[in-house]
Protein backbone atom coordinates (compact mmCIF):
# COMPACT_ATOMS: atom_id res chain seq x y z
CA MET A 1 0.00 -0.05 0.11
CA ILE A 2 2.85 2.48 0.92
CA VAL A 3 4.50 1.76 -2.37
CA ALA A 4 1.27 2.36 -4.36
CA LEU A 5 1.07 5.84 -2.51
CA PHE A 6 4.52 6.85 -3.49
CA VAL A 7 4.09 5.62 -7.21
CA GLY A 8 0.68 7.30 -7.47
CA ASP A 9 2.16 10.41 -6.23
CA ALA A 10 5.22 10.17 -8.45
CA LEU A 11 2.89 9.51 -11.40
CA ASN A 12 0.31 11.92 -10.42
CA ALA A 13 -2.26 8.96 -10.38
CA GLU A 14 -5.20 8.95 -8.15
CA PHE A 15 -5.02 5.66 -6.20
CA SER A 16 -6.58 6.89 -3.02
CA ARG A 17 -10.08 4.89 -3.34
CA SER A 18 -8.22 1.75 -4.22
CA ILE A 19 -5.91 2.16 -1.42
CA ALA A 20 -8.82 2.98 1.09
CA ALA A 21 -10.50 -0.26 -0.24
CA PHE A 22 -7.59 -2.46 0.11
CA PHE A 23 -7.03 -0.97 3.61
CA VAL A 24 -10.59 -1.77 4.54
CA LEU A 25 -10.29 -5.37 3.19
CA SER A 26 -7.16 -6.08 4.98
CA MET A 27 -8.78 -4.85 8.32
CA LEU A 28 -11.87 -7.13 7.68
CA SER A 29 -9.48 -10.04 6.82
CA LEU A 30 -7.54 -9.40 10.19
CA ILE A 31 -10.67 -9.25 12.26
CA GLY A 32 -11.83 -12.47 10.38
CA SER A 33 -8.69 -14.22 11.41
CA TYR A 34 -8.77 -13.20 14.90
CA VAL A 35 -12.55 -14.47 15.30
CA CYS A 36 -11.16 -17.84 13.80
CA LEU A 37 -8.57 -17.82 16.26
CA LEU A 38 -10.80 -17.29 19.32
CA ARG A 39 -13.19 -20.06 17.75
CA GLU A 40 -10.43 -22.40 17.66
CA ILE A 41 -9.31 -21.61 21.15
CA PHE A 42 -12.88 -22.09 22.36
CA ILE A 43 -13.12 -25.38 20.65
CA ALA A 44 -9.65 -26.58 21.96
CA THR A 45 -10.54 -25.78 25.73
CA HIS A 46 -14.09 -27.08 25.41
CA THR A 47 -12.63 -30.47 24.18
CA HIS A 48 -9.89 -30.46 26.74
CA LEU A 49 -12.49 -29.79 29.43
CA GLN A 50 -14.75 -32.60 28.18
CA ARG A 51 -11.91 -35.12 28.06
CA THR A 52 -10.60 -34.10 31.73
CA LEU A 53 -14.11 -34.68 33.12
CA GLN A 54 -14.55 -38.00 31.32
CA MET A 55 -11.39 -39.42 32.64
CA PRO A 56 -11.89 -42.19 35.39
CA MET A 57 -10.10 -41.67 38.56
């Protein structure tokens, strides 16, 4: 993104909308990856808790 801004300035091209769109998409993908990570942690801890409770003593 930074390179595109510099190239756009050097060539007097208008890349601001595309840069903004890519930035929004990157933030949405980052949020999505955090949601997937939290879901994976929830599944792992839930599975571990179930296995711990089912162990015969």
